[in-house]
Amino acid sequence: MATVRVSTGNPVIFLSGEIDIATVDGMVSAFEPCLRAGGPVILDMSAVTFMDSSGLHALIHASRALGERGCIIVHGAHGAVLHLLQLTLLREAIENMHFIECTVLVQAA
């Protein structure tokens, strides 16, 4: 017999625009409660148009802060942001970070 459970406890962090040295503090602040709680941290990046190394550093720091208490799910990264994530091999380098490529939300943004 299958069991189905619906949880509303894991919020989604919606990011948009450019993530760079001028805006990364807002991203980090949004992460903090989720990192303290543990569990999956879901980032919707479908509306992010640019990300520099400060955004990468924030993602790496967040995954290290979670450690074995959870994972980061990056959803909807596309274009230049997806290219940056691919170039840096973040997908292969960090065990508790998962990427879901999706263009449905990108087209809706």
PDB file of N, CA and C in Angstrom:
ATOM      1  N   MET A   1       0.835  -1.175   0.000  1.00  0.00           N
ATOM      2  CA  MET A   1       0.000   0.000   0.000  1.00  0.00           C
ATOM      3  C   MET A   1       0.886   1.247   0.000  1.00  0.00           C
ATOM      4  N   ALA A   2       0.578   2.182  -0.849  1.00  0.00           N
ATOM      5  CA  ALA A   2       1.345   3.423  -0.955  1.00  0.00           C
ATOM      6  C   ALA A   2       0.853   4.425   0.078  1.00  0.00           C
ATOM      7  N   THR A   3       1.763   5.241   0.536  1.00  0.00           N
ATOM      8  CA  THR A   3       1.428   6.317   1.464  1.00  0.00           C
ATOM      9  C   THR A   3       1.703   7.639   0.774  1.00  0.00           C
ATOM     10  N   VAL A   4       0.772   8.538   0.873  1.00  0.00           N
ATOM     11  CA  VAL A   4       0.931   9.869   0.286  1.00  0.00           C
ATOM     12  C   VAL A   4       0.880  10.884   1.412  1.00  0.00           C
ATOM     13  N   ARG A   5       1.843  11.779   1.413  1.00  0.00           N
ATOM     14  CA  ARG A   5       1.899  12.814   2.443  1.00  0.00           C
ATOM     15  C   ARG A   5       2.179  14.145   1.770  1.00  0.00           C
ATOM     16  N   VAL A   6       1.452  15.162   2.111  1.00  0.00           N
ATOM     17  CA  VAL A   6       1.667  16.505   1.568  1.00  0.00           C
ATOM     18  C   VAL A   6       2.188  17.370   2.699  1.00  0.00           C
ATOM     19  N   SER A   7       3.327  18.018   2.463  1.00  0.00           N
ATOM     20  CA  SER A   7       3.931  18.868   3.472  1.00  0.00           C
ATOM     21  C   SER A   7       3.925  20.314   2.995  1.00  0.00           C
ATOM     22  N   THR A   8       3.614  21.205   3.883  1.00  0.00           N
ATOM     23  CA  THR A   8       3.679  22.627   3.546  1.00  0.00           C
ATOM     24  C   THR A   8       4.818  23.309   4.284  1.00  0.00           C
ATOM     25  N   GLY A   9       5.695  22.541   4.887  1.00  0.00           N
ATOM     26  CA  GLY A   9       6.739  23.085   5.735  1.00  0.00           C
ATOM     27  C   GLY A   9       7.986  23.572   5.024  1.00  0.00           C
ATOM     28  N   ASN A  10       8.174  23.232   3.770  1.00  0.00           N
ATOM     29  CA  ASN A  10       9.391  23.629   3.067  1.00  0.00           C
ATOM     30  C   ASN A  10       9.090  24.779   2.116  1.00  0.00           C
ATOM     31  N   PRO A  11       9.456  25.995   2.499  1.00  0.00           N
ATOM     32  CA  PRO A  11       9.168  27.139   1.627  1.00  0.00           C
ATOM     33  C   PRO A  11      10.066  27.143   0.402  1.00  0.00           C
ATOM     34  N   VAL A  12       9.613  27.851  -0.605  1.00  0.00           N
ATOM     35  CA  VAL A  12      10.403  28.059  -1.812  1.00  0.00           C
ATOM     36  C   VAL A  12      10.918  29.490  -1.773  1.00  0.00           C
ATOM     37  N   ILE A  13      12.206  29.662  -2.021  1.00  0.00           N
ATOM     38  CA  ILE A  13      12.799  30.990  -2.092  1.00  0.00           C
ATOM     39  C   ILE A  13      12.837  31.382  -3.572  1.00  0.00           C
ATOM     40  N   PHE A  14      12.078  32.418  -3.914  1.00  0.00           N
ATOM     41  CA  PHE A  14      12.022  32.901  -5.296  1.00  0.00           C
ATOM     42  C   PHE A  14      13.043  34.021  -5.464  1.00  0.00           C
ATOM     43  N   LEU A  15      13.976  33.834  -6.379  1.00  0.00           N
ATOM     44  CA  LEU A  15      14.994  34.837  -6.666  1.00  0.00           C
ATOM     45  C   LEU A  15      14.711  35.409  -8.052  1.00  0.00           C
ATOM     46  N   SER A  16      15.028  36.685  -8.223  1.00  0.00           N
ATOM     47  CA  SER A  16      14.809  37.289  -9.538  1.00  0.00           C
ATOM     48  C   SER A  16      15.838  38.378  -9.794  1.00  0.00           C
ATOM     49  N   GLY A  17      15.950  38.756 -11.065  1.00  0.00           N
ATOM     50  CA  GLY A  17      16.864  39.826 -11.448  1.00  0.00           C
ATOM     51  C   GLY A  17      18.308  39.378 -11.461  1.00  0.00           C
ATOM     52  N   GLU A  18      19.185  40.279 -11.035  1.00  0.00           N
ATOM     53  CA  GLU A  18      20.624  40.022 -11.050  1.00  0.00           C
ATOM     54  C   GLU A  18      21.119  39.742  -9.641  1.00  0.00           C
ATOM     55  N   ILE A  19      21.884  38.670  -9.512  1.00  0.00           N
ATOM     56  CA  ILE A  19      22.510  38.338  -8.227  1.00  0.00           C
ATOM     57  C   ILE A  19      23.991  38.662  -8.385  1.00  0.00           C
ATOM     58  N   ASP A  20      24.413  39.729  -7.703  1.00  0.00           N
ATOM     59  CA  ASP A  20      25.803  40.154  -7.773  1.00  0.00           C
ATOM     60  C   ASP A  20      26.209  40.718  -6.413  1.00  0.00           C
ATOM     61  N   ILE A  21      27.348  41.327  -6.342  1.00  0.00           N
ATOM     62  CA  ILE A  21      27.881  41.839  -5.073  1.00  0.00           C
ATOM     63  C   ILE A  21      26.918  42.838  -4.422  1.00  0.00           C
ATOM     64  N   ALA A  22      26.150  43.553  -5.213  1.00  0.00           N
ATOM     65  CA  ALA A  22      25.225  44.556  -4.668  1.00  0.00           C
ATOM     66  C   ALA A  22      23.937  43.950  -4.122  1.00  0.00           C
ATOM     67  N   THR A  23      23.583  42.733  -4.568  1.00  0.00           N
ATOM     68  CA  THR A  23      22.292  42.156  -4.177  1.00  0.00           C
ATOM     69  C   THR A  23      22.397  40.847  -3.408  1.00  0.00           C
ATOM     70  N   VAL A  24      23.579  40.290  -3.310  1.00  0.00           N
ATOM     71  CA  VAL A  24      23.735  38.956  -2.723  1.00  0.00           C
ATOM     72  C   VAL A  24      23.346  38.910  -1.247  1.00  0.00           C
ATOM     73  N   ASP A  25      23.473  40.017  -0.525  1.00  0.00           N
ATOM     74  CA  ASP A  25      23.108  40.011   0.899  1.00  0.00           C
ATOM     75  C   ASP A  25      21.634  39.687   1.111  1.00  0.00           C
ATOM     76  N   GLY A  26      20.771  40.135   0.219  1.00  0.00           N
ATOM     77  CA  GLY A  26      19.350  39.808   0.303  1.00  0.00           C
ATOM     78  C   GLY A  26      19.116  38.317   0.109  1.00  0.00           C
ATOM     79  N   MET A  27      19.867  37.729  -0.793  1.00  0.00           N
ATOM     80  CA  MET A  27      19.779  36.286  -1.032  1.00  0.00           C
ATOM     81  C   MET A  27      20.230  35.516   0.199  1.00  0.00           C
ATOM     82  N   VAL A  28      21.340  35.917   0.771  1.00  0.00           N
ATOM     83  CA  VAL A  28      21.876  35.251   1.967  1.00  0.00           C
ATOM     84  C   VAL A  28      20.900  35.382   3.137  1.00  0.00           C
ATOM     85  N   SER A  29      20.310  36.551   3.308  1.00  0.00           N
ATOM     86  CA  SER A  29      19.333  36.753   4.385  1.00  0.00           C
ATOM     87  C   SER A  29      18.121  35.843   4.222  1.00  0.00           C
ATOM     88  N   ALA A  30      17.692  35.644   2.978  1.00  0.00           N
ATOM     89  CA  ALA A  30      16.549  34.769   2.719  1.00  0.00           C
ATOM     90  C   ALA A  30      16.883  33.318   3.043  1.00  0.00           C
ATOM     91  N   PHE A  31      18.146  32.930   2.862  1.00  0.00           N
ATOM     92  CA  PHE A  31      18.574  31.557   3.143  1.00  0.00           C
ATOM     93  C   PHE A  31      18.569  31.224   4.631  1.00  0.00           C
ATOM     94  N   GLU A  32      18.942  32.188   5.458  1.00  0.00           N
ATOM     95  CA  GLU A  32      19.245  31.922   6.867  1.00  0.00           C
ATOM     96  C   GLU A  32      18.204  31.090   7.616  1.00  0.00           C
ATOM     97  N   PRO A  33      16.913  31.453   7.618  1.00  0.00           N
ATOM     98  CA  PRO A  33      15.945  30.642   8.367  1.00  0.00           C
ATOM     99  C   PRO A  33      15.875  29.196   7.860  1.00  0.00           C
ATOM    100  N   CYS A  34      15.981  29.021   6.561  1.00  0.00           N
ATOM    101  CA  CYS A  34      15.928  27.680   5.988  1.00  0.00           C
ATOM    102  C   CYS A  34      17.162  26.869   6.347  1.00  0.00           C
ATOM    103  N   LEU A  35      18.304  27.511   6.371  1.00  0.00           N
ATOM    104  CA  LEU A  35      19.534  26.810   6.722  1.00  0.00           C
ATOM    105  C   LEU A  35      19.517  26.384   8.186  1.00  0.00           C
ATOM    106  N   ARG A  36      18.977  27.245   9.043  1.00  0.00           N
ATOM    107  CA  ARG A  36      18.870  26.880  10.461  1.00  0.00           C
ATOM    108  C   ARG A  36      17.930  25.698  10.661  1.00  0.00           C
ATOM    109  N   ALA A  37      16.834  25.673   9.904  1.00  0.00           N
ATOM    110  CA  ALA A  37      15.830  24.619  10.043  1.00  0.00           C
ATOM    111  C   ALA A  37      16.298  23.292   9.463  1.00  0.00           C
ATOM    112  N   GLY A  38      17.161  23.329   8.451  1.00  0.00           N
ATOM    113  CA  GLY A  38      17.590  22.100   7.794  1.00  0.00           C
ATOM    114  C   GLY A  38      16.540  21.610   6.815  1.00  0.00           C
ATOM    115  N   GLY A  39      16.787  20.455   6.246  1.00  0.00           N
ATOM    116  CA  GLY A  39      15.862  19.906   5.261  1.00  0.00           C
ATOM    117  C   GLY A  39      16.136  20.461   3.887  1.00  0.00           C
ATOM    118  N   PRO A  40      15.280  20.186   2.929  1.00  0.00           N
ATOM    119  CA  PRO A  40      15.500  20.725   1.591  1.00  0.00           C
ATOM    120  C   PRO A  40      15.245  22.229   1.541  1.00  0.00           C
ATOM    121  N   VAL A  41      16.143  22.946   0.879  1.00  0.00           N
ATOM    122  CA  VAL A  41      15.993  24.378   0.634  1.00  0.00           C
ATOM    123  C   VAL A  41      15.786  24.524  -0.869  1.00  0.00           C
ATOM    124  N   ILE A  42      14.614  24.993  -1.253  1.00  0.00           N
ATOM    125  CA  ILE A  42      14.256  25.062  -2.667  1.00  0.00           C
ATOM    126  C   ILE A  42      14.416  26.494  -3.161  1.00  0.00           C
ATOM    127  N   LEU A  43      15.226  26.664  -4.209  1.00  0.00           N
ATOM    128  CA  LEU A  43      15.458  27.970  -4.821  1.00  0.00           C
ATOM    129  C   LEU A  43      14.868  27.979  -6.220  1.00  0.00           C
ATOM    130  N   ASP A  44      13.921  28.858  -6.458  1.00  0.00           N
ATOM    131  CA  ASP A  44      13.381  29.037  -7.803  1.00  0.00           C
ATOM    132  C   ASP A  44      14.175  30.165  -8.452  1.00  0.00           C
ATOM    133  N   MET A  45      14.997  29.804  -9.420  1.00  0.00           N
ATOM    134  CA  MET A  45      15.861  30.779 -10.087  1.00  0.00           C
ATOM    135  C   MET A  45      15.387  31.066 -11.511  1.00  0.00           C
ATOM    136  N   SER A  46      14.140  30.767 -11.808  1.00  0.00           N
ATOM    137  CA  SER A  46      13.638  30.934 -13.170  1.00  0.00           C
ATOM    138  C   SER A  46      13.585  32.395 -13.612  1.00  0.00           C
ATOM    139  N   ALA A  47      13.567  33.330 -12.662  1.00  0.00           N
ATOM    140  CA  ALA A  47      13.521  34.753 -13.018  1.00  0.00           C
ATOM    141  C   ALA A  47      14.872  35.449 -12.811  1.00  0.00           C
ATOM    142  N   VAL A  48      15.927  34.679 -12.569  1.00  0.00           N
ATOM    143  CA  VAL A  48      17.265  35.253 -12.402  1.00  0.00           C
ATOM    144  C   VAL A  48      17.897  35.396 -13.782  1.00  0.00           C
ATOM    145  N   THR A  49      18.354  36.600 -14.098  1.00  0.00           N
ATOM    146  CA  THR A  49      18.916  36.873 -15.421  1.00  0.00           C
ATOM    147  C   THR A  49      20.438  36.918 -15.437  1.00  0.00           C
ATOM    148  N   PHE A  50      21.043  37.052 -14.247  1.00  0.00           N
ATOM    149  CA  PHE A  50      22.501  37.167 -14.155  1.00  0.00           C
ATOM    150  C   PHE A  50      22.936  36.754 -12.758  1.00  0.00           C
ATOM    151  N   MET A  51      24.090  36.087 -12.678  1.00  0.00           N
ATOM    152  CA  MET A  51      24.676  35.781 -11.374  1.00  0.00           C
ATOM    153  C   MET A  51      26.192  35.779 -11.524  1.00  0.00           C
ATOM    154  N   ASP A  52      26.866  36.453 -10.590  1.00  0.00           N
ATOM    155  CA  ASP A  52      28.320  36.471 -10.630  1.00  0.00           C
ATOM    156  C   ASP A  52      28.877  35.563  -9.533  1.00  0.00           C
ATOM    157  N   SER A  53      30.171  35.670  -9.287  1.00  0.00           N
ATOM    158  CA  SER A  53      30.834  34.794  -8.324  1.00  0.00           C
ATOM    159  C   SER A  53      30.323  34.986  -6.900  1.00  0.00           C
ATOM    160  N   SER A  54      29.787  36.140  -6.570  1.00  0.00           N
ATOM    161  CA  SER A  54      29.248  36.327  -5.220  1.00  0.00           C
ATOM    162  C   SER A  54      28.008  35.446  -5.019  1.00  0.00           C
ATOM    163  N   GLY A  55      27.210  35.273  -6.046  1.00  0.00           N
ATOM    164  CA  GLY A  55      26.068  34.373  -5.977  1.00  0.00           C
ATOM    165  C   GLY A  55      26.508  32.921  -5.862  1.00  0.00           C
ATOM    166  N   LEU A  56      27.538  32.559  -6.624  1.00  0.00           N
ATOM    167  CA  LEU A  56      28.100  31.211  -6.514  1.00  0.00           C
ATOM    168  C   LEU A  56      28.609  30.953  -5.100  1.00  0.00           C
ATOM    169  N   HIS A  57      29.331  31.921  -4.563  1.00  0.00           N
ATOM    170  CA  HIS A  57      29.875  31.775  -3.221  1.00  0.00           C
ATOM    171  C   HIS A  57      28.748  31.587  -2.204  1.00  0.00           C
ATOM    172  N   ALA A  58      27.658  32.330  -2.355  1.00  0.00           N
ATOM    173  CA  ALA A  58      26.518  32.202  -1.441  1.00  0.00           C
ATOM    174  C   ALA A  58      25.900  30.805  -1.522  1.00  0.00           C
ATOM    175  N   LEU A  59      25.797  30.256  -2.723  1.00  0.00           N
ATOM    176  CA  LEU A  59      25.271  28.897  -2.881  1.00  0.00           C
ATOM    177  C   LEU A  59      26.180  27.868  -2.218  1.00  0.00           C
ATOM    178  N   ILE A  60      27.477  28.018  -2.414  1.00  0.00           N
ATOM    179  CA  ILE A  60      28.437  27.085  -1.816  1.00  0.00           C
ATOM    180  C   ILE A  60      28.393  27.187  -0.297  1.00  0.00           C
ATOM    181  N   HIS A  61      28.371  28.410   0.226  1.00  0.00           N
ATOM    182  CA  HIS A  61      28.290  28.613   1.676  1.00  0.00           C
ATOM    183  C   HIS A  61      27.016  27.985   2.240  1.00  0.00           C
ATOM    184  N   ALA A  62      25.900  28.161   1.552  1.00  0.00           N
ATOM    185  CA  ALA A  62      24.626  27.602   2.016  1.00  0.00           C
ATOM    186  C   ALA A  62      24.683  26.079   2.051  1.00  0.00           C
ATOM    187  N   SER A  63      25.260  25.471   1.029  1.00  0.00           N
ATOM    188  CA  SER A  63      25.332  24.007   1.010  1.00  0.00           C
ATOM    189  C   SER A  63      26.230  23.493   2.122  1.00  0.00           C
ATOM    190  N   ARG A  64      27.304  24.200   2.397  1.00  0.00           N
ATOM    191  CA  ARG A  64      28.194  23.793   3.502  1.00  0.00           C
ATOM    192  C   ARG A  64      27.513  23.983   4.853  1.00  0.00           C
ATOM    193  N   ALA A  65      26.738  25.066   4.994  1.00  0.00           N
ATOM    194  CA  ALA A  65      26.033  25.314   6.251  1.00  0.00           C
ATOM    195  C   ALA A  65      24.999  24.223   6.524  1.00  0.00           C
ATOM    196  N   LEU A  66      24.370  23.715   5.480  1.00  0.00           N
ATOM    197  CA  LEU A  66      23.408  22.627   5.652  1.00  0.00           C
ATOM    198  C   LEU A  66      24.099  21.310   5.971  1.00  0.00           C
ATOM    199  N   GLY A  67      25.213  21.077   5.310  1.00  0.00           N
ATOM    200  CA  GLY A  67      25.933  19.823   5.525  1.00  0.00           C
ATOM    201  C   GLY A  67      25.030  18.624   5.291  1.00  0.00           C
ATOM    202  N   GLU A  68      25.010  17.723   6.249  1.00  0.00           N
ATOM    203  CA  GLU A  68      24.207  16.506   6.137  1.00  0.00           C
ATOM    204  C   GLU A  68      22.776  16.695   6.633  1.00  0.00           C
ATOM    205  N   ARG A  69      22.415  17.919   7.010  1.00  0.00           N
ATOM    206  CA  ARG A  69      21.062  18.172   7.514  1.00  0.00           C
ATOM    207  C   ARG A  69      20.068  18.499   6.412  1.00  0.00           C
ATOM    208  N   GLY A  70      20.507  18.543   5.178  1.00  0.00           N
ATOM    209  CA  GLY A  70      19.590  18.860   4.094  1.00  0.00           C
ATOM    210  C   GLY A  70      20.301  19.061   2.779  1.00  0.00           C
ATOM    211  N   CYS A  71      19.546  19.556   1.818  1.00  0.00           N
ATOM    212  CA  CYS A  71      20.110  19.788   0.494  1.00  0.00           C
ATOM    213  C   CYS A  71      19.509  21.070  -0.091  1.00  0.00           C
ATOM    214  N   ILE A  72      20.151  21.560  -1.124  1.00  0.00           N
ATOM    215  CA  ILE A  72      19.658  22.729  -1.850  1.00  0.00           C
ATOM    216  C   ILE A  72      19.206  22.253  -3.220  1.00  0.00           C
ATOM    217  N   ILE A  73      17.992  22.632  -3.579  1.00  0.00           N
ATOM    218  CA  ILE A  73      17.445  22.281  -4.881  1.00  0.00           C
ATOM    219  C   ILE A  73      17.327  23.574  -5.685  1.00  0.00           C
ATOM    220  N   VAL A  74      18.126  23.672  -6.734  1.00  0.00           N
ATOM    221  CA  VAL A  74      18.122  24.850  -7.601  1.00  0.00           C
ATOM    222  C   VAL A  74      17.220  24.529  -8.787  1.00  0.00           C
ATOM    223  N   HIS A  75      16.120  25.251  -8.889  1.00  0.00           N
ATOM    224  CA  HIS A  75      15.124  24.984  -9.922  1.00  0.00           C
ATOM    225  C   HIS A  75      15.048  26.137 -10.913  1.00  0.00           C
ATOM    226  N   GLY A  76      15.080  25.809 -12.187  1.00  0.00           N
ATOM    227  CA  GLY A  76      14.815  26.797 -13.223  1.00  0.00           C
ATOM    228  C   GLY A  76      15.965  27.671 -13.651  1.00  0.00           C
ATOM    229  N   ALA A  77      17.193  27.378 -13.223  1.00  0.00           N
ATOM    230  CA  ALA A  77      18.333  28.177 -13.698  1.00  0.00           C
ATOM    231  C   ALA A  77      18.429  28.017 -15.216  1.00  0.00           C
ATOM    232  N   HIS A  78      18.679  29.104 -15.916  1.00  0.00           N
ATOM    233  CA  HIS A  78      18.710  29.070 -17.368  1.00  0.00           C
ATOM    234  C   HIS A  78      19.657  30.141 -17.903  1.00  0.00           C
ATOM    235  N   GLY A  79      19.884  30.102 -19.185  1.00  0.00           N
ATOM    236  CA  GLY A  79      20.693  31.124 -19.852  1.00  0.00           C
ATOM    237  C   GLY A  79      22.081  31.254 -19.259  1.00  0.00           C
ATOM    238  N   ALA A  80      22.484  32.490 -19.013  1.00  0.00           N
ATOM    239  CA  ALA A  80      23.826  32.778 -18.507  1.00  0.00           C
ATOM    240  C   ALA A  80      24.050  32.174 -17.122  1.00  0.00           C
ATOM    241  N   VAL A  81      23.003  32.108 -16.309  1.00  0.00           N
ATOM    242  CA  VAL A  81      23.133  31.539 -14.960  1.00  0.00           C
ATOM    243  C   VAL A  81      23.411  30.044 -15.053  1.00  0.00           C
ATOM    244  N   LEU A  82      22.662  29.336 -15.872  1.00  0.00           N
ATOM    245  CA  LEU A  82      22.887  27.904 -16.063  1.00  0.00           C
ATOM    246  C   LEU A  82      24.278  27.659 -16.635  1.00  0.00           C
ATOM    247  N   HIS A  83      24.671  28.500 -17.581  1.00  0.00           N
ATOM    248  CA  HIS A  83      26.009  28.367 -18.185  1.00  0.00           C
ATOM    249  C   HIS A  83      27.098  28.528 -17.116  1.00  0.00           C
ATOM    250  N   LEU A  84      26.939  29.506 -16.228  1.00  0.00           N
ATOM    251  CA  LEU A  84      27.903  29.708 -15.145  1.00  0.00           C
ATOM    252  C   LEU A  84      27.964  28.484 -14.235  1.00  0.00           C
ATOM    253  N   LEU A  85      26.811  27.940 -13.879  1.00  0.00           N
ATOM    254  CA  LEU A  85      26.776  26.756 -13.017  1.00  0.00           C
ATOM    255  C   LEU A  85      27.437  25.564 -13.694  1.00  0.00           C
ATOM    256  N   GLN A  86      27.258  25.447 -15.005  1.00  0.00           N
ATOM    257  CA  GLN A  86      27.882  24.354 -15.742  1.00  0.00           C
ATOM    258  C   GLN A  86      29.390  24.544 -15.856  1.00  0.00           C
ATOM    259  N   LEU A  87      29.833  25.780 -16.126  1.00  0.00           N
ATOM    260  CA  LEU A  87      31.273  26.057 -16.267  1.00  0.00           C
ATOM    261  C   LEU A  87      32.041  25.792 -14.981  1.00  0.00           C
ATOM    262  N   THR A  88      31.414  26.101 -13.856  1.00  0.00           N
ATOM    263  CA  THR A  88      32.103  25.950 -12.577  1.00  0.00           C
ATOM    264  C   THR A  88      32.022  24.531 -12.027  1.00  0.00           C
ATOM    265  N   LEU A  89      31.296  23.669 -12.715  1.00  0.00           N
ATOM    266  CA  LEU A  89      31.131  22.266 -12.301  1.00  0.00           C
ATOM    267  C   LEU A  89      30.540  22.140 -10.898  1.00  0.00           C
ATOM    268  N   LEU A  90      29.732  23.110 -10.514  1.00  0.00           N
ATOM    269  CA  LEU A  90      29.100  23.094  -9.196  1.00  0.00           C
ATOM    270  C   LEU A  90      28.266  21.834  -9.011  1.00  0.00           C
ATOM    271  N   ARG A  91      27.595  21.411 -10.042  1.00  0.00           N
ATOM    272  CA  ARG A  91      26.743  20.214  -9.993  1.00  0.00           C
ATOM    273  C   ARG A  91      27.543  18.984  -9.571  1.00  0.00           C
ATOM    274  N   GLU A  92      28.740  18.848 -10.080  1.00  0.00           N
ATOM    275  CA  GLU A  92      29.562  17.691  -9.769  1.00  0.00           C
ATOM    276  C   GLU A  92      30.311  17.847  -8.445  1.00  0.00           C
ATOM    277  N   ALA A  93      30.577  19.075  -8.041  1.00  0.00           N
ATOM    278  CA  ALA A  93      31.440  19.322  -6.888  1.00  0.00           C
ATOM    279  C   ALA A  93      30.715  19.294  -5.549  1.00  0.00           C
ATOM    280  N   ILE A  94      29.428  19.556  -5.538  1.00  0.00           N
ATOM    281  CA  ILE A  94      28.720  19.676  -4.265  1.00  0.00           C
ATOM    282  C   ILE A  94      27.642  18.601  -4.186  1.00  0.00           C
ATOM    283  N   GLU A  95      27.811  17.714  -3.215  1.00  0.00           N
ATOM    284  CA  GLU A  95      26.920  16.569  -3.073  1.00  0.00           C
ATOM    285  C   GLU A  95      25.492  16.930  -2.705  1.00  0.00           C
ATOM    286  N   ASN A  96      25.311  17.921  -1.860  1.00  0.00           N
ATOM    287  CA  ASN A  96      23.964  18.217  -1.375  1.00  0.00           C
ATOM    288  C   ASN A  96      23.295  19.371  -2.134  1.00  0.00           C
ATOM    289  N   MET A  97      23.715  19.580  -3.384  1.00  0.00           N
ATOM    290  CA  MET A  97      23.074  20.584  -4.225  1.00  0.00           C
ATOM    291  C   MET A  97      22.598  19.892  -5.506  1.00  0.00           C
ATOM    292  N   HIS A  98      21.321  20.074  -5.812  1.00  0.00           N
ATOM    293  CA  HIS A  98      20.716  19.415  -6.958  1.00  0.00           C
ATOM    294  C   HIS A  98      20.111  20.462  -7.890  1.00  0.00           C
ATOM    295  N   PHE A  99      20.180  20.196  -9.170  1.00  0.00           N
ATOM    296  CA  PHE A  99      19.715  21.149 -10.169  1.00  0.00           C
ATOM    297  C   PHE A  99      18.592  20.543 -10.988  1.00  0.00           C
ATOM    298  N   ILE A 100      17.518  21.286 -11.119  1.00  0.00           N
ATOM    299  CA  ILE A 100      16.398  20.875 -11.957  1.00  0.00           C
ATOM    300  C   ILE A 100      16.234  21.938 -13.035  1.00  0.00           C
ATOM    301  N   GLU A 101      16.557  21.570 -14.250  1.00  0.00           N
ATOM    302  CA  GLU A 101      16.395  22.496 -15.372  1.00  0.00           C
ATOM    303  C   GLU A 101      14.935  22.480 -15.792  1.00  0.00           C
ATOM    304  N   CYS A 102      14.346  23.632 -15.931  1.00  0.00           N
ATOM    305  CA  CYS A 102      12.939  23.728 -16.267  1.00  0.00           C
ATOM    306  C   CYS A 102      12.689  25.037 -16.987  1.00  0.00           C
ATOM    307  N   THR A 103      12.086  24.958 -18.152  1.00  0.00           N
ATOM    308  CA  THR A 103      11.812  26.188 -18.898  1.00  0.00           C
ATOM    309  C   THR A 103      10.357  26.643 -18.762  1.00  0.00           C
ATOM    310  N   VAL A 104       9.522  25.845 -18.133  1.00  0.00           N
ATOM    311  CA  VAL A 104       8.110  26.219 -17.997  1.00  0.00           C
ATOM    312  C   VAL A 104       7.970  27.522 -17.237  1.00  0.00           C
ATOM    313  N   LEU A 105       8.610  27.630 -16.055  1.00  0.00           N
ATOM    314  CA  LEU A 105       8.525  28.839 -15.272  1.00  0.00           C
ATOM    315  C   LEU A 105       9.262  29.999 -15.913  1.00  0.00           C
ATOM    316  N   VAL A 106      10.333  29.709 -16.621  1.00  0.00           N
ATOM    317  CA  VAL A 106      11.095  30.755 -17.311  1.00  0.00           C
ATOM    318  C   VAL A 106      10.204  31.442 -18.335  1.00  0.00           C
ATOM    319  N   GLN A 107       9.450  30.668 -19.073  1.00  0.00           N
ATOM    320  CA  GLN A 107       8.565  31.235 -20.099  1.00  0.00           C
ATOM    321  C   GLN A 107       7.437  32.024 -19.480  1.00  0.00           C
ATOM    322  N   ALA A 108       7.014  31.650 -18.281  1.00  0.00           N
ATOM    323  CA  ALA A 108       5.929  32.359 -17.615  1.00  0.00           C
ATOM    324  C   ALA A 108       6.388  33.671 -16.981  1.00  0.00           C
ATOM    325  N   ALA A 109       7.707  33.782 -16.694  1.00  0.00           N
ATOM    326  CA  ALA A 109       8.236  34.971 -16.007  1.00  0.00           C
ATOM    327  C   ALA A 109       8.238  36.191 -16.882  1.00  0.00           C
TER     328      ALA A 109
END
